[in-house]
Amino acid sequence: MTIRVALADDQALVRAGFRMIVESRPGMEVVGEAADGQEAIELVRRERPDVMLMDIRMPRVDGIEATRQVAGATRVVILTTYELDEYVFDALAAGASGFLLKAAPPEQLINAIEVVAAGNALLDPSVTKRLIAEFAKRPELARKRPKELGTLTEREQEVLLEIARGFTNAEIAGRLHVSETTVKTHVAHVLDKLGLRDRVQAVIVAYEAGLVGSI
């Protein structure tokens, strides 16, 4: 099955570079390019790509608003120049499935597309710890505690906190002294009970609910 990828960046050279990388991979194809957020929204509606690589800073409509409008129709990977881009948290909250540094090597871009296309979230633990911890401290961030949090078992709450701290399933298994399969089951239950799409949304919920004060 071919993974259909769309590109959104206001720099033609950047788009050309990403297109070259994507099309060099068997089983992937670029179905369209957008030079701004509005074009990205229209592209998603027209082509229904599996994955959209989305820049944040673009004319007319920025990547955050574009992500908010297309997140239900495609999986969005935010492209950013800096690990702690001030807008990345907002983009994740808007529905992005993860983020990738523009300077990442080609194999990481390919991996990101494959991971997100498979329905998983792309969260690099080292970056996530700094990113989420930084923006969770923002005073204007409203604390919202969904009533569904009360439906989690004690173990599921522990797993949610470990996800929020940026740990992988394998790392969580080691920290909680259970099997990785058991962790995967708990993660699935957490996402289902909270009505979340992926781990990114779980991280956002944990921090917005004030469950994690610091990393």
N, C-alpha and C. Protein backbone atom coordinates (compact mmCIF):
# COMPACT_ATOMS: atom_id res chain seq x y z
N MET A 1 0.84 -1.20 0.00
CA MET A 1 0.00 0.00 0.00
C MET A 1 0.88 1.26 0.00
N THR A 2 0.61 2.14 -0.92
CA THR A 2 1.41 3.36 -1.05
C THR A 2 0.98 4.42 -0.04
N ILE A 3 1.96 5.02 0.62
CA ILE A 3 1.68 6.12 1.55
C ILE A 3 1.65 7.41 0.75
N ARG A 4 0.53 8.11 0.80
CA ARG A 4 0.37 9.34 0.02
C ARG A 4 0.72 10.53 0.91
N VAL A 5 1.68 11.31 0.47
CA VAL A 5 2.22 12.40 1.29
C VAL A 5 1.99 13.75 0.61
N ALA A 6 1.62 14.76 1.41
CA ALA A 6 1.48 16.13 0.91
C ALA A 6 2.48 17.01 1.63
N LEU A 7 2.94 18.06 0.96
CA LEU A 7 3.96 18.94 1.51
C LEU A 7 3.44 20.37 1.61
N ALA A 8 3.66 21.01 2.75
CA ALA A 8 3.26 22.41 2.91
C ALA A 8 4.41 23.21 3.51
N ASP A 9 4.99 24.07 2.70
CA ASP A 9 6.09 24.93 3.14
C ASP A 9 6.16 26.10 2.17
N ASP A 10 6.43 27.30 2.70
CA ASP A 10 6.43 28.45 1.81
C ASP A 10 7.73 28.60 1.02
N GLN A 11 8.70 27.72 1.27
CA GLN A 11 9.95 27.78 0.52
C GLN A 11 10.00 26.64 -0.50
N ALA A 12 10.06 27.01 -1.76
CA ALA A 12 10.04 26.02 -2.84
C ALA A 12 11.21 25.04 -2.75
N LEU A 13 12.38 25.53 -2.34
CA LEU A 13 13.55 24.65 -2.24
C LEU A 13 13.37 23.60 -1.16
N VAL A 14 12.74 24.01 -0.06
CA VAL A 14 12.47 23.05 1.02
C VAL A 14 11.51 21.97 0.53
N ARG A 15 10.46 22.39 -0.14
CA ARG A 15 9.50 21.41 -0.68
C ARG A 15 10.18 20.46 -1.66
N ALA A 16 11.03 21.03 -2.50
CA ALA A 16 11.73 20.20 -3.49
C ALA A 16 12.61 19.16 -2.81
N GLY A 17 13.26 19.56 -1.74
CA GLY A 17 14.11 18.63 -1.00
C GLY A 17 13.32 17.51 -0.37
N PHE A 18 12.20 17.86 0.25
CA PHE A 18 11.36 16.84 0.87
C PHE A 18 10.76 15.92 -0.19
N ARG A 19 10.36 16.50 -1.32
CA ARG A 19 9.79 15.68 -2.39
C ARG A 19 10.81 14.64 -2.86
N MET A 20 12.05 15.08 -3.03
CA MET A 20 13.10 14.18 -3.50
C MET A 20 13.30 13.02 -2.53
N ILE A 21 13.29 13.34 -1.23
CA ILE A 21 13.48 12.31 -0.21
C ILE A 21 12.32 11.32 -0.21
N VAL A 22 11.10 11.86 -0.20
CA VAL A 22 9.91 11.01 -0.15
C VAL A 22 9.82 10.11 -1.37
N GLU A 23 10.04 10.67 -2.54
CA GLU A 23 9.86 9.90 -3.77
C GLU A 23 11.00 8.91 -4.02
N SER A 24 12.07 9.02 -3.22
CA SER A 24 13.16 8.06 -3.35
C SER A 24 12.84 6.77 -2.60
N ARG A 25 11.76 6.81 -1.84
CA ARG A 25 11.37 5.65 -1.01
C ARG A 25 10.27 4.85 -1.70
N PRO A 26 10.52 3.58 -2.01
CA PRO A 26 9.46 2.77 -2.60
C PRO A 26 8.25 2.72 -1.66
N GLY A 27 7.07 2.83 -2.23
CA GLY A 27 5.87 2.76 -1.40
C GLY A 27 5.41 4.10 -0.89
N MET A 28 6.05 5.18 -1.35
CA MET A 28 5.63 6.53 -0.96
C MET A 28 5.51 7.39 -2.22
N GLU A 29 4.56 8.31 -2.18
CA GLU A 29 4.43 9.25 -3.29
C GLU A 29 3.96 10.61 -2.77
N VAL A 30 4.38 11.67 -3.42
CA VAL A 30 3.94 13.02 -3.08
C VAL A 30 2.74 13.34 -3.96
N VAL A 31 1.62 13.65 -3.33
CA VAL A 31 0.38 13.88 -4.10
C VAL A 31 0.10 15.36 -4.30
N GLY A 32 0.94 16.23 -3.71
CA GLY A 32 0.73 17.65 -3.92
C GLY A 32 1.57 18.50 -3.00
N GLU A 33 1.72 19.79 -3.37
CA GLU A 33 2.47 20.74 -2.58
C GLU A 33 1.64 21.99 -2.32
N ALA A 34 1.90 22.62 -1.19
CA ALA A 34 1.22 23.87 -0.84
C ALA A 34 2.24 24.88 -0.37
N ALA A 35 2.06 26.15 -0.78
CA ALA A 35 3.00 27.21 -0.41
C ALA A 35 2.53 28.02 0.78
N ASP A 36 1.31 27.77 1.25
CA ASP A 36 0.82 28.45 2.45
C ASP A 36 -0.27 27.59 3.09
N GLY A 37 -0.74 28.03 4.27
CA GLY A 37 -1.71 27.24 5.00
C GLY A 37 -3.03 27.05 4.29
N GLN A 38 -3.49 28.07 3.60
CA GLN A 38 -4.76 27.96 2.88
C GLN A 38 -4.66 26.93 1.76
N GLU A 39 -3.54 26.95 1.05
CA GLU A 39 -3.34 25.95 0.00
C GLU A 39 -3.25 24.55 0.60
N ALA A 40 -2.67 24.46 1.80
CA ALA A 40 -2.55 23.16 2.48
C ALA A 40 -3.93 22.59 2.80
N ILE A 41 -4.82 23.46 3.31
CA ILE A 41 -6.18 23.03 3.64
C ILE A 41 -6.89 22.53 2.38
N GLU A 42 -6.77 23.29 1.31
CA GLU A 42 -7.43 22.93 0.05
C GLU A 42 -6.83 21.64 -0.52
N LEU A 43 -5.52 21.48 -0.36
CA LEU A 43 -4.84 20.29 -0.86
C LEU A 43 -5.34 19.04 -0.14
N VAL A 44 -5.47 19.13 1.18
CA VAL A 44 -5.95 17.99 1.96
C VAL A 44 -7.38 17.63 1.55
N ARG A 45 -8.21 18.64 1.41
CA ARG A 45 -9.60 18.39 1.01
C ARG A 45 -9.69 17.74 -0.37
N ARG A 46 -8.76 18.11 -1.24
CA ARG A 46 -8.80 17.62 -2.62
C ARG A 46 -8.17 16.23 -2.77
N GLU A 47 -7.03 16.03 -2.11
CA GLU A 47 -6.27 14.80 -2.32
C GLU A 47 -6.38 13.77 -1.20
N ARG A 48 -6.81 14.19 -0.03
CA ARG A 48 -6.91 13.28 1.12
C ARG A 48 -5.63 12.47 1.33
N PRO A 49 -4.50 13.14 1.52
CA PRO A 49 -3.24 12.42 1.73
C PRO A 49 -3.25 11.67 3.06
N ASP A 50 -2.39 10.68 3.17
CA ASP A 50 -2.26 9.95 4.43
C ASP A 50 -1.51 10.78 5.46
N VAL A 51 -0.51 11.51 4.98
CA VAL A 51 0.34 12.32 5.86
C VAL A 51 0.60 13.69 5.24
N MET A 52 0.52 14.72 6.04
CA MET A 52 0.85 16.08 5.58
C MET A 52 2.05 16.56 6.38
N LEU A 53 3.12 16.93 5.66
CA LEU A 53 4.27 17.55 6.30
C LEU A 53 4.01 19.05 6.30
N MET A 54 3.86 19.64 7.48
CA MET A 54 3.36 21.01 7.60
C MET A 54 4.36 21.95 8.27
N ASP A 55 4.74 23.00 7.55
CA ASP A 55 5.56 24.05 8.15
C ASP A 55 4.66 24.89 9.06
N ILE A 56 5.24 25.57 10.03
CA ILE A 56 4.44 26.39 10.94
C ILE A 56 4.26 27.80 10.40
N ARG A 57 5.36 28.44 10.06
CA ARG A 57 5.30 29.84 9.65
C ARG A 57 5.09 29.95 8.14
N MET A 58 3.85 30.20 7.75
CA MET A 58 3.51 30.35 6.34
C MET A 58 2.55 31.52 6.17
N PRO A 59 2.50 32.11 4.97
CA PRO A 59 1.60 33.24 4.71
C PRO A 59 0.13 32.84 4.73
N ARG A 60 -0.72 33.86 4.73
CA ARG A 60 -2.18 33.72 4.72
C ARG A 60 -2.68 32.95 5.95
N VAL A 61 -2.61 31.65 5.94
CA VAL A 61 -3.00 30.84 7.09
C VAL A 61 -1.75 30.11 7.58
N ASP A 62 -1.45 30.24 8.87
CA ASP A 62 -0.24 29.58 9.37
C ASP A 62 -0.47 28.08 9.57
N GLY A 63 0.60 27.39 9.86
CA GLY A 63 0.53 25.94 9.99
C GLY A 63 -0.33 25.46 11.14
N ILE A 64 -0.43 26.25 12.19
CA ILE A 64 -1.24 25.85 13.35
C ILE A 64 -2.72 25.83 12.98
N GLU A 65 -3.20 26.91 12.39
CA GLU A 65 -4.60 26.96 12.01
C GLU A 65 -4.90 25.93 10.93
N ALA A 66 -3.97 25.76 10.00
CA ALA A 66 -4.18 24.76 8.95
C ALA A 66 -4.27 23.37 9.57
N THR A 67 -3.41 23.10 10.54
CA THR A 67 -3.45 21.81 11.23
C THR A 67 -4.78 21.60 11.91
N ARG A 68 -5.27 22.64 12.57
CA ARG A 68 -6.54 22.55 13.28
C ARG A 68 -7.67 22.17 12.32
N GLN A 69 -7.58 22.65 11.11
CA GLN A 69 -8.65 22.41 10.14
C GLN A 69 -8.55 21.07 9.41
N VAL A 70 -7.35 20.51 9.34
CA VAL A 70 -7.20 19.27 8.56
C VAL A 70 -6.86 18.04 9.40
N ALA A 71 -6.63 18.22 10.70
CA ALA A 71 -6.16 17.12 11.53
C ALA A 71 -7.10 15.91 11.51
N GLY A 72 -8.37 16.14 11.31
CA GLY A 72 -9.30 15.02 11.28
C GLY A 72 -9.28 14.26 9.97
N ALA A 73 -8.71 14.87 8.94
CA ALA A 73 -8.72 14.26 7.61
C ALA A 73 -7.39 13.65 7.21
N THR A 74 -6.32 14.05 7.88
CA THR A 74 -5.00 13.51 7.56
C THR A 74 -4.13 13.57 8.81
N ARG A 75 -3.04 12.85 8.80
CA ARG A 75 -2.10 12.89 9.92
C ARG A 75 -1.07 13.97 9.62
N VAL A 76 -0.89 14.88 10.56
CA VAL A 76 -0.01 16.02 10.33
C VAL A 76 1.30 15.88 11.12
N VAL A 77 2.40 16.05 10.41
CA VAL A 77 3.71 16.13 11.06
C VAL A 77 4.20 17.57 10.89
N ILE A 78 4.42 18.25 12.00
CA ILE A 78 4.88 19.63 11.96
C ILE A 78 6.38 19.68 11.69
N LEU A 79 6.77 20.53 10.77
CA LEU A 79 8.18 20.73 10.47
C LEU A 79 8.64 22.01 11.16
N THR A 80 9.70 21.92 11.92
CA THR A 80 10.16 23.10 12.65
C THR A 80 11.67 23.24 12.56
N THR A 81 12.14 24.46 12.66
CA THR A 81 13.58 24.72 12.58
C THR A 81 14.27 24.51 13.91
N TYR A 82 13.53 24.74 14.99
CA TYR A 82 14.12 24.66 16.32
C TYR A 82 13.43 23.63 17.19
N GLU A 83 14.18 23.00 18.06
CA GLU A 83 13.60 21.98 18.94
C GLU A 83 12.54 22.57 19.85
N LEU A 84 12.72 23.81 20.26
CA LEU A 84 11.76 24.43 21.16
C LEU A 84 11.05 25.60 20.49
N ASP A 85 10.64 25.40 19.27
CA ASP A 85 9.87 26.40 18.56
C ASP A 85 8.67 26.79 19.42
N GLU A 86 8.48 28.10 19.61
CA GLU A 86 7.42 28.56 20.52
C GLU A 86 6.03 28.16 20.08
N TYR A 87 5.88 27.74 18.82
CA TYR A 87 4.55 27.40 18.33
C TYR A 87 4.28 25.90 18.28
N VAL A 88 5.28 25.10 18.56
CA VAL A 88 5.10 23.66 18.41
C VAL A 88 4.03 23.12 19.35
N PHE A 89 4.03 23.57 20.59
CA PHE A 89 3.03 23.07 21.54
C PHE A 89 1.62 23.36 21.02
N ASP A 90 1.41 24.57 20.51
CA ASP A 90 0.10 24.93 19.98
C ASP A 90 -0.27 24.03 18.80
N ALA A 91 0.71 23.70 18.00
CA ALA A 91 0.45 22.84 16.84
C ALA A 91 0.05 21.44 17.28
N LEU A 92 0.71 20.92 18.30
CA LEU A 92 0.36 19.61 18.82
C LEU A 92 -1.04 19.64 19.41
N ALA A 93 -1.35 20.70 20.15
CA ALA A 93 -2.68 20.84 20.73
C ALA A 93 -3.74 20.97 19.65
N ALA A 94 -3.35 21.50 18.49
CA ALA A 94 -4.29 21.68 17.38
C ALA A 94 -4.59 20.37 16.66
N GLY A 95 -3.84 19.33 16.98
CA GLY A 95 -4.13 18.03 16.39
C GLY A 95 -3.01 17.38 15.61
N ALA A 96 -1.81 17.99 15.63
CA ALA A 96 -0.69 17.37 14.92
C ALA A 96 -0.31 16.05 15.58
N SER A 97 0.18 15.13 14.80
CA SER A 97 0.56 13.82 15.32
C SER A 97 2.02 13.75 15.74
N GLY A 98 2.72 14.87 15.59
CA GLY A 98 4.10 14.90 16.00
C GLY A 98 4.85 16.03 15.31
N PHE A 99 6.14 16.08 15.54
CA PHE A 99 6.93 17.13 14.90
C PHE A 99 8.30 16.60 14.54
N LEU A 100 8.92 17.25 13.58
CA LEU A 100 10.22 16.82 13.09
C LEU A 100 11.05 18.04 12.79
N LEU A 101 12.32 17.99 13.15
CA LEU A 101 13.21 19.09 12.83
C LEU A 101 13.53 19.08 11.34
N LYS A 102 13.54 20.25 10.72
CA LYS A 102 13.85 20.34 9.29
C LYS A 102 15.27 19.85 9.01
N ALA A 103 16.14 19.94 10.01
CA ALA A 103 17.52 19.52 9.82
C ALA A 103 17.72 18.01 10.01
N ALA A 104 16.63 17.31 10.29
CA ALA A 104 16.74 15.86 10.51
C ALA A 104 17.23 15.17 9.25
N PRO A 105 17.99 14.10 9.39
CA PRO A 105 18.48 13.38 8.22
C PRO A 105 17.33 12.71 7.47
N PRO A 106 17.52 12.41 6.18
CA PRO A 106 16.46 11.82 5.36
C PRO A 106 15.80 10.59 5.95
N GLU A 107 16.60 9.72 6.57
CA GLU A 107 16.02 8.49 7.12
C GLU A 107 15.03 8.78 8.25
N GLN A 108 15.26 9.88 8.98
CA GLN A 108 14.32 10.25 10.04
C GLN A 108 13.01 10.77 9.46
N LEU A 109 13.10 11.48 8.35
CA LEU A 109 11.89 11.95 7.69
C LEU A 109 11.06 10.77 7.21
N ILE A 110 11.71 9.81 6.58
CA ILE A 110 11.02 8.61 6.09
C ILE A 110 10.38 7.87 7.26
N ASN A 111 11.14 7.71 8.34
CA ASN A 111 10.62 7.01 9.52
C ASN A 111 9.42 7.75 10.10
N ALA A 112 9.50 9.07 10.14
CA ALA A 112 8.40 9.87 10.68
C ALA A 112 7.12 9.64 9.88
N ILE A 113 7.25 9.63 8.57
CA ILE A 113 6.09 9.42 7.71
C ILE A 113 5.50 8.03 7.95
N GLU A 114 6.36 7.03 8.04
CA GLU A 114 5.89 5.65 8.23
C GLU A 114 5.22 5.48 9.59
N VAL A 115 5.81 6.07 10.62
CA VAL A 115 5.25 5.96 11.97
C VAL A 115 3.87 6.61 12.05
N VAL A 116 3.76 7.82 11.51
CA VAL A 116 2.50 8.55 11.58
C VAL A 116 1.44 7.92 10.68
N ALA A 117 1.85 7.45 9.50
CA ALA A 117 0.91 6.81 8.59
C ALA A 117 0.32 5.54 9.20
N ALA A 118 1.09 4.90 10.08
CA ALA A 118 0.63 3.68 10.74
C ALA A 118 -0.32 3.97 11.89
N GLY A 119 -0.56 5.27 12.13
CA GLY A 119 -1.50 5.64 13.19
C GLY A 119 -0.86 5.93 14.52
N ASN A 120 0.46 6.01 14.55
CA ASN A 120 1.17 6.28 15.79
C ASN A 120 1.59 7.74 15.86
N ALA A 121 2.00 8.16 17.05
CA ALA A 121 2.46 9.53 17.23
C ALA A 121 3.97 9.59 17.17
N LEU A 122 4.48 10.69 16.66
CA LEU A 122 5.92 10.87 16.55
C LEU A 122 6.37 11.82 17.65
N LEU A 123 6.83 11.25 18.74
CA LEU A 123 7.29 12.07 19.86
C LEU A 123 8.69 11.62 20.26
N ASP A 124 9.66 12.42 19.95
CA ASP A 124 11.02 12.11 20.36
C ASP A 124 11.14 12.42 21.85
N PRO A 125 11.41 11.42 22.69
CA PRO A 125 11.41 11.63 24.14
C PRO A 125 12.27 12.79 24.62
N SER A 126 13.50 12.91 24.09
CA SER A 126 14.40 13.97 24.58
C SER A 126 13.84 15.36 24.28
N VAL A 127 13.27 15.51 23.09
CA VAL A 127 12.70 16.81 22.73
C VAL A 127 11.39 17.04 23.47
N THR A 128 10.61 15.98 23.58
CA THR A 128 9.30 16.10 24.24
C THR A 128 9.43 16.56 25.68
N LYS A 129 10.40 16.03 26.38
CA LYS A 129 10.57 16.39 27.78
C LYS A 129 10.80 17.89 27.93
N ARG A 130 11.64 18.44 27.07
CA ARG A 130 11.92 19.88 27.16
C ARG A 130 10.76 20.70 26.65
N LEU A 131 10.20 20.27 25.55
CA LEU A 131 9.12 21.01 24.91
C LEU A 131 7.89 21.12 25.80
N ILE A 132 7.38 19.99 26.23
CA ILE A 132 6.14 19.99 27.00
C ILE A 132 6.35 20.61 28.37
N ALA A 133 7.50 20.35 29.00
CA ALA A 133 7.76 20.94 30.30
C ALA A 133 7.79 22.47 30.21
N GLU A 134 8.38 22.97 29.13
CA GLU A 134 8.47 24.42 28.95
C GLU A 134 7.09 25.05 28.81
N PHE A 135 6.27 24.50 27.95
CA PHE A 135 5.00 25.14 27.67
C PHE A 135 3.92 24.81 28.70
N ALA A 136 4.14 23.75 29.47
CA ALA A 136 3.20 23.45 30.54
C ALA A 136 3.26 24.52 31.64
N LYS A 137 4.37 25.25 31.66
CA LYS A 137 4.55 26.29 32.68
C LYS A 137 3.91 27.61 32.29
N ARG A 138 3.41 27.70 31.07
CA ARG A 138 2.83 28.96 30.63
C ARG A 138 1.64 29.33 31.52
N PRO A 139 1.64 30.51 32.09
CA PRO A 139 0.57 30.88 33.02
C PRO A 139 -0.80 30.93 32.36
N GLU A 140 -0.83 31.18 31.06
CA GLU A 140 -2.13 31.28 30.39
C GLU A 140 -2.71 29.93 30.01
N LEU A 141 -1.95 28.84 30.26
CA LEU A 141 -2.43 27.52 29.90
C LEU A 141 -3.52 27.10 30.89
N ALA A 142 -4.72 26.97 30.39
CA ALA A 142 -5.85 26.62 31.25
C ALA A 142 -5.71 25.19 31.76
N ARG A 143 -6.03 25.01 33.02
CA ARG A 143 -6.01 23.68 33.60
C ARG A 143 -7.38 23.05 33.41
N LYS A 144 -7.42 22.00 32.63
CA LYS A 144 -8.68 21.32 32.37
C LYS A 144 -8.53 19.86 32.77
N ARG A 145 -9.41 19.39 33.61
CA ARG A 145 -9.33 18.01 34.06
C ARG A 145 -10.57 17.26 33.56
N PRO A 146 -10.45 16.59 32.42
CA PRO A 146 -11.60 15.88 31.87
C PRO A 146 -12.17 14.88 32.87
N LYS A 147 -13.48 14.81 32.93
CA LYS A 147 -14.11 13.89 33.88
C LYS A 147 -13.73 12.44 33.61
N GLU A 148 -13.34 12.16 32.34
CA GLU A 148 -12.96 10.80 31.98
C GLU A 148 -11.70 10.34 32.70
N LEU A 149 -10.89 11.29 33.22
CA LEU A 149 -9.68 10.90 33.95
C LEU A 149 -10.04 10.03 35.15
N GLY A 150 -11.21 10.26 35.70
CA GLY A 150 -11.65 9.49 36.85
C GLY A 150 -11.96 8.04 36.54
N THR A 151 -12.06 7.71 35.24
CA THR A 151 -12.36 6.33 34.85
C THR A 151 -11.09 5.49 34.73
N LEU A 152 -9.92 6.13 34.79
CA LEU A 152 -8.66 5.39 34.66
C LEU A 152 -8.34 4.63 35.94
N THR A 153 -7.81 3.43 35.78
CA THR A 153 -7.35 2.68 36.95
C THR A 153 -6.05 3.32 37.45
N GLU A 154 -5.62 2.92 38.62
CA GLU A 154 -4.38 3.47 39.18
C GLU A 154 -3.20 3.19 38.24
N ARG A 155 -3.15 2.00 37.68
CA ARG A 155 -2.06 1.65 36.78
C ARG A 155 -2.14 2.47 35.49
N GLU A 156 -3.34 2.68 34.98
CA GLU A 156 -3.50 3.47 33.78
C GLU A 156 -3.08 4.92 34.01
N GLN A 157 -3.35 5.43 35.19
CA GLN A 157 -2.91 6.79 35.53
C GLN A 157 -1.38 6.85 35.56
N GLU A 158 -0.76 5.81 36.09
CA GLU A 158 0.70 5.76 36.12
C GLU A 158 1.26 5.76 34.70
N VAL A 159 0.64 4.99 33.83
CA VAL A 159 1.10 4.91 32.44
C VAL A 159 0.92 6.27 31.75
N LEU A 160 -0.19 6.94 32.02
CA LEU A 160 -0.43 8.26 31.43
C LEU A 160 0.66 9.23 31.85
N LEU A 161 1.05 9.20 33.10
CA LEU A 161 2.11 10.09 33.58
C LEU A 161 3.44 9.77 32.91
N GLU A 162 3.71 8.49 32.71
CA GLU A 162 4.96 8.09 32.05
C GLU A 162 4.96 8.55 30.59
N ILE A 163 3.81 8.46 29.94
CA ILE A 163 3.70 8.95 28.56
C ILE A 163 3.99 10.45 28.54
N ALA A 164 3.40 11.17 29.50
CA ALA A 164 3.57 12.62 29.57
C ALA A 164 5.02 13.01 29.82
N ARG A 165 5.76 12.13 30.46
CA ARG A 165 7.17 12.41 30.72
C ARG A 165 8.05 12.07 29.53
N GLY A 166 7.44 11.58 28.45
CA GLY A 166 8.18 11.34 27.22
C GLY A 166 8.82 9.98 27.09
N PHE A 167 8.42 9.03 27.93
CA PHE A 167 9.02 7.70 27.86
C PHE A 167 8.34 6.83 26.81
N THR A 168 9.13 5.97 26.18
CA THR A 168 8.60 5.02 25.20
C THR A 168 7.94 3.86 25.94
N ASN A 169 7.23 3.01 25.20
CA ASN A 169 6.59 1.85 25.83
C ASN A 169 7.63 0.95 26.49
N ALA A 170 8.77 0.76 25.82
CA ALA A 170 9.81 -0.10 26.37
C ALA A 170 10.36 0.49 27.68
N GLU A 171 10.55 1.81 27.70
CA GLU A 171 11.06 2.46 28.91
C GLU A 171 10.03 2.40 30.04
N ILE A 172 8.76 2.59 29.68
CA ILE A 172 7.70 2.51 30.69
C ILE A 172 7.64 1.11 31.29
N ALA A 173 7.78 0.10 30.43
CA ALA A 173 7.76 -1.28 30.90
C ALA A 173 8.86 -1.51 31.94
N GLY A 174 10.05 -0.99 31.65
CA GLY A 174 11.15 -1.15 32.59
C GLY A 174 10.93 -0.40 33.89
N ARG A 175 10.37 0.79 33.80
CA ARG A 175 10.15 1.61 34.99
C ARG A 175 9.04 1.04 35.88
N LEU A 176 8.03 0.42 35.25
CA LEU A 176 6.90 -0.12 36.02
C LEU A 176 7.02 -1.62 36.27
N HIS A 177 8.10 -2.21 35.75
CA HIS A 177 8.37 -3.63 35.95
C HIS A 177 7.24 -4.52 35.42
N VAL A 178 6.81 -4.21 34.20
CA VAL A 178 5.81 -5.03 33.52
C VAL A 178 6.30 -5.26 32.10
N SER A 179 5.59 -6.09 31.36
CA SER A 179 6.00 -6.36 29.98
C SER A 179 5.60 -5.21 29.06
N GLU A 180 6.28 -5.12 27.92
CA GLU A 180 5.95 -4.07 26.96
C GLU A 180 4.55 -4.29 26.40
N THR A 181 4.16 -5.55 26.26
CA THR A 181 2.81 -5.86 25.77
C THR A 181 1.75 -5.33 26.74
N THR A 182 2.03 -5.47 28.03
CA THR A 182 1.11 -4.96 29.04
C THR A 182 1.00 -3.44 28.96
N VAL A 183 2.14 -2.79 28.73
CA VAL A 183 2.13 -1.33 28.61
C VAL A 183 1.29 -0.92 27.40
N LYS A 184 1.47 -1.62 26.28
CA LYS A 184 0.70 -1.30 25.07
C LYS A 184 -0.79 -1.41 25.34
N THR A 185 -1.17 -2.42 26.12
CA THR A 185 -2.58 -2.59 26.46
C THR A 185 -3.08 -1.44 27.31
N HIS A 186 -2.28 -1.04 28.30
CA HIS A 186 -2.67 0.09 29.16
C HIS A 186 -2.78 1.37 28.35
N VAL A 187 -1.83 1.60 27.45
CA VAL A 187 -1.86 2.80 26.61
C VAL A 187 -3.15 2.82 25.78
N ALA A 188 -3.48 1.68 25.20
CA ALA A 188 -4.71 1.58 24.39
C ALA A 188 -5.93 1.91 25.23
N HIS A 189 -5.97 1.41 26.47
CA HIS A 189 -7.10 1.68 27.36
C HIS A 189 -7.18 3.16 27.72
N VAL A 190 -6.03 3.78 27.98
CA VAL A 190 -6.00 5.21 28.31
C VAL A 190 -6.55 6.03 27.16
N LEU A 191 -6.07 5.75 25.96
CA LEU A 191 -6.53 6.51 24.80
C LEU A 191 -8.03 6.30 24.56
N ASP A 192 -8.48 5.06 24.74
CA ASP A 192 -9.89 4.76 24.52
C ASP A 192 -10.78 5.45 25.55
N LYS A 193 -10.42 5.34 26.82
CA LYS A 193 -11.23 5.93 27.88
C LYS A 193 -11.29 7.45 27.81
N LEU A 194 -10.18 8.06 27.37
CA LEU A 194 -10.14 9.52 27.30
C LEU A 194 -10.57 10.04 25.94
N GLY A 195 -10.88 9.12 25.02
CA GLY A 195 -11.32 9.54 23.69
C GLY A 195 -10.24 10.26 22.91
N LEU A 196 -8.99 9.77 23.05
CA LEU A 196 -7.86 10.43 22.41
C LEU A 196 -7.39 9.66 21.19
N ARG A 197 -6.81 10.38 20.23
CA ARG A 197 -6.36 9.77 18.99
C ARG A 197 -5.01 9.09 19.15
N ASP A 198 -4.10 9.72 19.91
CA ASP A 198 -2.76 9.17 20.01
C ASP A 198 -2.04 9.70 21.24
N ARG A 199 -0.75 9.35 21.36
CA ARG A 199 0.04 9.72 22.54
C ARG A 199 0.23 11.23 22.66
N VAL A 200 0.27 11.90 21.52
CA VAL A 200 0.43 13.35 21.57
C VAL A 200 -0.71 13.97 22.37
N GLN A 201 -1.92 13.57 22.04
CA GLN A 201 -3.07 14.11 22.74
C GLN A 201 -3.05 13.72 24.22
N ALA A 202 -2.52 12.53 24.52
CA ALA A 202 -2.43 12.10 25.92
C ALA A 202 -1.48 13.01 26.70
N VAL A 203 -0.38 13.38 26.07
CA VAL A 203 0.58 14.30 26.71
C VAL A 203 -0.08 15.65 26.97
N ILE A 204 -0.79 16.16 25.99
CA ILE A 204 -1.46 17.45 26.13
C ILE A 204 -2.46 17.41 27.27
N VAL A 205 -3.28 16.37 27.32
CA VAL A 205 -4.30 16.25 28.37
C VAL A 205 -3.64 16.19 29.75
N ALA A 206 -2.57 15.41 29.87
CA ALA A 206 -1.91 15.27 31.16
C ALA A 206 -1.40 16.60 31.69
N TYR A 207 -0.82 17.40 30.79
CA TYR A 207 -0.28 18.68 31.22
C TYR A 207 -1.37 19.73 31.44
N GLU A 208 -2.36 19.73 30.56
CA GLU A 208 -3.44 20.70 30.73
C GLU A 208 -4.24 20.42 31.99
N ALA A 209 -4.27 19.17 32.41
CA ALA A 209 -4.99 18.80 33.63
C ALA A 209 -4.15 19.06 34.87
N GLY A 210 -2.88 19.46 34.65
CA GLY A 210 -2.02 19.75 35.79
C GLY A 210 -1.52 18.50 36.50
N LEU A 211 -1.57 17.35 35.80
CA LEU A 211 -1.14 16.09 36.42
C LEU A 211 0.37 16.04 36.59
N VAL A 212 1.08 16.77 35.73
CA VAL A 212 2.54 16.76 35.77
C VAL A 212 3.04 18.19 35.95
N GLY A 213 3.74 18.41 37.03
CA GLY A 213 4.22 19.78 37.27
C GLY A 213 5.55 20.05 36.61
N SER A 214 6.39 19.06 36.53
CA SER A 214 7.71 19.23 35.94
C SER A 214 8.27 17.88 35.55
N ILE A 215 9.24 17.94 34.68
CA ILE A 215 9.87 16.71 34.22
C ILE A 215 11.16 16.49 35.02
